[in-house]
Amino acid sequence: MSAFDQVFLLGMYIILPFLLYALPISLPLENAGMKGKLNGFEKIGLKYFFILSIATLFQIFLCINLSEGKAYIHFLTEYFSGNYWWIPLATVTSILFFVMDFFFANLFINKIILLDINYYFTGKVRFKTNLISTVIVVVEELFWRLNFFYITSAADISFSIYIFICLLFGITHYSYGIYNIFSKTALAAICMLLLFVSHHFLVPIVFHSVYNIFVLKKYRMEETG
């Protein structure tokens, strides 16, 4: 993969946030019998999933064709050979990260500090919402983490590029509030670190999925009071 190919593929990470906010929210998925049946979170989630999926498929197509296919497939298989003991650690870390995130969100946004631990673990999430969230997590980790590692695997890039990619991931969550840019940038950095140290694609997926479950519970609690 040439330097030009790498720059082009990395450019997709800059274009994605622009597409997310430039395109109208009325999508084929919403109009195909789903209009009026989705809450705000699900509408934003489907829009993000629609754009992210297209970008990821295009990215995979380019990775395969620019690296003769076998190199990319071999890279993917390597990231399913890590130690599974990282998964329970990722689960615990995810819960701790959510509690910290929730603490700072209330501290800086709502000007209060909630210390009711039961609040973190209550609230029911609709199956449809959880399914959308889980699928998005898998595609996100493929696009933002695993494929990024592949694109930069043959290059000696600056540490600032990793920070910049994490920040772009945070920017894609601007619809949920400015604070989420910073919290999701931190989440991206942790997921990237977990993938790097564990060498297993499932580890950041578990971390991200567990975090999202508690976030969805929080949103549900806020909706129902």
Protein backbone atom coordinates (compact mmCIF):
# COMPACT_ATOMS: atom_id res chain seq x y z
CA MET A 1 0.00 0.00 0.00
CA SER A 2 1.52 3.28 -1.13
CA ALA A 3 1.72 6.47 0.92
CA PHE A 4 -0.94 8.01 -1.34
CA ASP A 5 -3.28 5.07 -0.66
CA GLN A 6 -2.79 5.50 3.08
CA VAL A 7 -3.51 9.23 2.94
CA PHE A 8 -6.63 8.60 0.87
CA LEU A 9 -7.93 5.96 3.28
CA LEU A 10 -7.16 8.14 6.29
CA GLY A 11 -9.04 10.96 4.59
CA MET A 12 -12.23 8.93 4.96
CA TYR A 13 -12.07 9.52 8.72
CA ILE A 14 -12.25 13.27 8.11
CA ILE A 15 -15.06 13.02 5.55
CA LEU A 16 -17.33 10.80 7.68
CA PRO A 17 -18.25 13.39 10.37
CA PHE A 18 -19.00 15.90 7.61
CA LEU A 19 -21.34 13.47 5.85
CA LEU A 20 -23.05 12.62 9.12
CA TYR A 21 -24.11 16.21 9.75
CA ALA A 22 -24.44 17.39 6.14
CA LEU A 23 -26.88 14.73 4.94
CA PRO A 24 -30.59 15.04 5.85
CA ILE A 25 -31.88 12.72 8.56
CA SER A 26 -34.70 11.34 6.37
CA LEU A 27 -33.20 8.05 5.17
CA PRO A 28 -34.63 5.09 3.25
CA LEU A 29 -34.47 3.00 6.44
CA GLU A 30 -36.70 5.46 8.25
CA ASN A 31 -39.14 5.92 5.38
CA ALA A 32 -39.62 2.19 4.74
CA GLY A 33 -42.44 1.70 7.24
CA MET A 34 -40.40 2.87 10.24
CA LYS A 35 -41.39 6.54 10.33
CA GLY A 36 -42.94 7.45 13.65
CA LYS A 37 -41.79 4.20 15.26
CA LEU A 38 -38.30 5.37 16.19
CA ASN A 39 -37.26 7.53 19.11
CA GLY A 40 -34.66 10.26 18.77
CA PHE A 41 -31.75 8.02 19.74
CA GLU A 42 -32.79 5.37 17.21
CA LYS A 43 -33.17 7.92 14.40
CA ILE A 44 -29.68 9.31 14.95
CA GLY A 45 -28.34 5.78 15.38
CA LEU A 46 -29.84 4.55 12.12
CA LYS A 47 -28.54 7.56 10.22
CA TYR A 48 -25.05 7.02 11.64
CA PHE A 49 -25.23 3.27 10.94
CA PHE A 50 -26.37 3.87 7.35
CA ILE A 51 -23.49 6.24 6.56
CA LEU A 52 -20.90 4.31 8.59
CA SER A 53 -21.80 0.99 6.93
CA ILE A 54 -21.37 2.42 3.43
CA ALA A 55 -18.05 4.01 4.42
CA THR A 56 -16.84 0.77 6.04
CA LEU A 57 -17.76 -1.40 3.04
CA PHE A 58 -15.98 1.04 0.72
CA GLN A 59 -12.99 1.07 3.07
CA ILE A 60 -12.82 -2.75 3.15
CA PHE A 61 -13.09 -2.87 -0.65
CA LEU A 62 -10.15 -0.49 -0.98
CA CYS A 63 -8.08 -2.31 1.66
CA ILE A 64 -8.54 -5.62 -0.14
CA ASN A 65 -7.79 -4.24 -3.60
CA LEU A 66 -4.87 -2.06 -2.56
CA SER A 67 -3.17 -4.88 -0.64
CA GLU A 68 -3.92 -7.84 -2.91
CA GLY A 69 -6.57 -9.16 -0.56
CA LYS A 70 -4.58 -11.81 1.27
CA ALA A 71 -2.61 -9.31 3.37
CA TYR A 72 -5.80 -7.70 4.68
CA ILE A 73 -7.47 -11.04 5.45
CA HIS A 74 -4.33 -12.25 7.21
CA PHE A 75 -4.26 -9.05 9.27
CA LEU A 76 -7.88 -9.60 10.36
CA THR A 77 -7.25 -13.20 11.42
CA GLU A 78 -4.31 -12.07 13.55
CA TYR A 79 -6.65 -9.89 15.59
CA PHE A 80 -8.79 -12.87 16.54
CA SER A 81 -5.90 -14.77 18.10
CA GLY A 82 -5.34 -12.74 21.25
CA ASN A 83 -6.03 -13.77 24.83
CA TYR A 84 -9.70 -14.05 25.84
CA TRP A 85 -8.89 -13.15 29.45
CA TRP A 86 -8.88 -9.52 28.36
CA ILE A 87 -12.68 -9.71 27.86
CA PRO A 88 -13.69 -9.80 31.57
CA LEU A 89 -11.14 -7.06 32.24
CA ALA A 90 -12.68 -5.00 29.44
CA THR A 91 -16.14 -5.54 30.97
CA VAL A 92 -15.11 -4.27 34.40
CA THR A 93 -13.17 -1.37 32.88
CA SER A 94 -16.21 -0.43 30.80
CA ILE A 95 -18.47 -0.21 33.86
CA LEU A 96 -15.90 1.91 35.71
CA PHE A 97 -15.54 4.18 32.69
CA PHE A 98 -19.31 4.65 32.47
CA VAL A 99 -19.54 5.57 36.16
CA MET A 100 -16.71 8.09 35.73
CA ASP A 101 -18.29 9.45 32.56
CA PHE A 102 -21.69 9.77 34.25
CA PHE A 103 -20.09 11.47 37.24
CA PHE A 104 -18.35 14.14 35.14
CA ALA A 105 -21.38 14.62 32.89
CA ASN A 106 -23.50 15.48 35.92
CA LEU A 107 -20.73 17.56 37.43
CA PHE A 108 -20.15 19.77 34.38
CA ILE A 109 -23.55 19.71 32.66
CA ASN A 110 -26.23 19.30 35.31
CA LYS A 111 -24.19 20.92 38.10
CA ILE A 112 -25.05 18.03 40.43
CA ILE A 113 -23.35 14.85 41.53
CA LEU A 114 -25.47 11.71 41.63
CA LEU A 115 -24.17 9.15 44.10
CA ASP A 116 -27.11 6.75 43.90
CA ILE A 117 -25.32 3.64 42.60
CA ASN A 118 -28.64 1.89 41.86
CA TYR A 119 -29.35 4.58 39.27
CA TYR A 120 -26.53 3.27 37.12
CA PHE A 121 -27.99 -0.23 36.92
CA THR A 122 -31.71 0.45 36.47
CA GLY A 123 -33.79 1.26 33.41
CA LYS A 124 -34.99 -1.08 30.69
CA VAL A 125 -33.75 -0.78 27.12
CA ARG A 126 -35.90 -1.60 24.12
CA PHE A 127 -34.64 -4.65 22.23
CA LYS A 128 -34.67 -2.70 18.95
CA THR A 129 -32.56 0.06 20.45
CA ASN A 130 -30.07 -2.41 21.94
CA LEU A 131 -29.82 -4.30 18.64
CA ILE A 132 -29.14 -1.11 16.68
CA SER A 133 -26.51 -0.10 19.25
CA THR A 134 -24.73 -3.47 19.19
CA VAL A 135 -24.53 -3.61 15.40
CA ILE A 136 -23.23 -0.04 15.29
CA VAL A 137 -20.53 -0.93 17.85
CA VAL A 138 -19.22 -3.80 15.70
CA VAL A 139 -19.07 -1.62 12.57
CA GLU A 140 -17.53 1.27 14.54
CA GLU A 141 -14.77 -0.91 15.93
CA LEU A 142 -14.04 -2.27 12.47
CA PHE A 143 -13.94 1.16 10.82
CA TRP A 144 -12.42 3.33 13.55
CA ARG A 145 -10.04 0.87 15.19
CA LEU A 146 -9.19 -2.36 13.34
CA ASN A 147 -9.09 -0.96 9.81
CA PHE A 148 -7.21 2.09 11.09
CA PHE A 149 -4.58 -0.22 12.57
CA TYR A 150 -4.29 -1.98 9.22
CA ILE A 151 -3.98 1.22 7.21
CA THR A 152 -1.22 2.52 9.50
CA SER A 153 0.48 -0.85 10.16
CA ALA A 154 3.15 -0.29 7.50
CA ALA A 155 3.83 3.33 8.40
CA ASP A 156 5.58 5.09 11.24
CA ILE A 157 2.93 7.67 12.07
CA SER A 158 2.92 10.33 14.74
CA PHE A 159 1.12 9.73 18.05
CA SER A 160 -0.89 12.88 17.30
CA ILE A 161 -2.59 11.05 14.41
CA TYR A 162 -4.03 8.53 16.88
CA ILE A 163 -5.33 11.39 19.04
CA PHE A 164 -6.78 13.10 15.97
CA ILE A 165 -8.66 9.94 14.90
CA CYS A 166 -10.05 9.54 18.42
CA LEU A 167 -11.19 13.18 18.33
CA LEU A 168 -12.93 12.64 14.99
CA PHE A 169 -14.76 9.70 16.53
CA GLY A 170 -15.87 12.01 19.34
CA ILE A 171 -17.07 14.63 16.84
CA THR A 172 -19.42 12.09 15.24
CA HIS A 173 -21.28 12.03 18.58
CA TYR A 174 -21.88 15.78 18.64
CA SER A 175 -25.65 15.17 18.17
CA TYR A 176 -25.77 13.96 21.78
CA GLY A 177 -24.21 17.15 23.13
CA ILE A 178 -20.82 18.89 23.22
CA TYR A 179 -19.75 16.97 26.33
CA ASN A 180 -20.05 13.72 24.34
CA ILE A 181 -17.30 14.87 21.98
CA PHE A 182 -14.85 14.66 24.89
CA SER A 183 -16.27 11.53 26.53
CA LYS A 184 -16.40 9.61 23.24
CA THR A 185 -12.89 10.76 22.37
CA ALA A 186 -11.77 9.18 25.65
CA LEU A 187 -13.79 6.05 24.86
CA ALA A 188 -12.13 5.80 21.44
CA ALA A 189 -8.69 6.11 23.01
CA ILE A 190 -9.45 3.31 25.49
CA CYS A 191 -10.85 1.05 22.73
CA MET A 192 -7.76 1.69 20.62
CA LEU A 193 -5.49 0.92 23.57
CA LEU A 194 -7.40 -2.28 24.38
CA LEU A 195 -7.11 -3.46 20.79
CA PHE A 196 -3.40 -2.70 20.80
CA VAL A 197 -2.55 -4.50 24.05
CA SER A 198 -4.99 -7.44 23.73
CA HIS A 199 -4.50 -8.05 20.01
CA HIS A 200 -8.10 -9.30 19.93
CA PHE A 201 -10.92 -7.57 18.07
CA LEU A 202 -13.59 -8.79 20.51
CA VAL A 203 -12.07 -6.93 23.47
CA PRO A 204 -12.88 -3.35 22.36
CA ILE A 205 -16.27 -4.59 21.11
CA VAL A 206 -17.11 -5.93 24.58
CA PHE A 207 -15.88 -2.76 26.26
CA HIS A 208 -17.86 -0.53 23.89
CA SER A 209 -21.02 -2.70 24.00
CA VAL A 210 -21.15 -2.86 27.80
CA TYR A 211 -20.66 0.90 28.00
CA ASN A 212 -23.49 1.47 25.51
CA ILE A 213 -25.87 -0.74 27.49
CA PHE A 214 -25.48 1.49 30.55
CA VAL A 215 -25.73 4.64 28.44
CA LEU A 216 -29.00 3.36 26.95
CA LYS A 217 -30.27 2.58 30.46
CA LYS A 218 -29.44 6.15 31.49
CA TYR A 219 -31.29 7.61 28.49
CA ARG A 220 -34.26 5.36 29.28
CA MET A 221 -34.31 6.54 32.88
CA GLU A 222 -34.27 10.16 31.70
CA GLU A 223 -37.17 9.49 29.27
CA THR A 224 -39.36 7.76 31.87
CA GLY A 225 -38.35 9.96 34.79
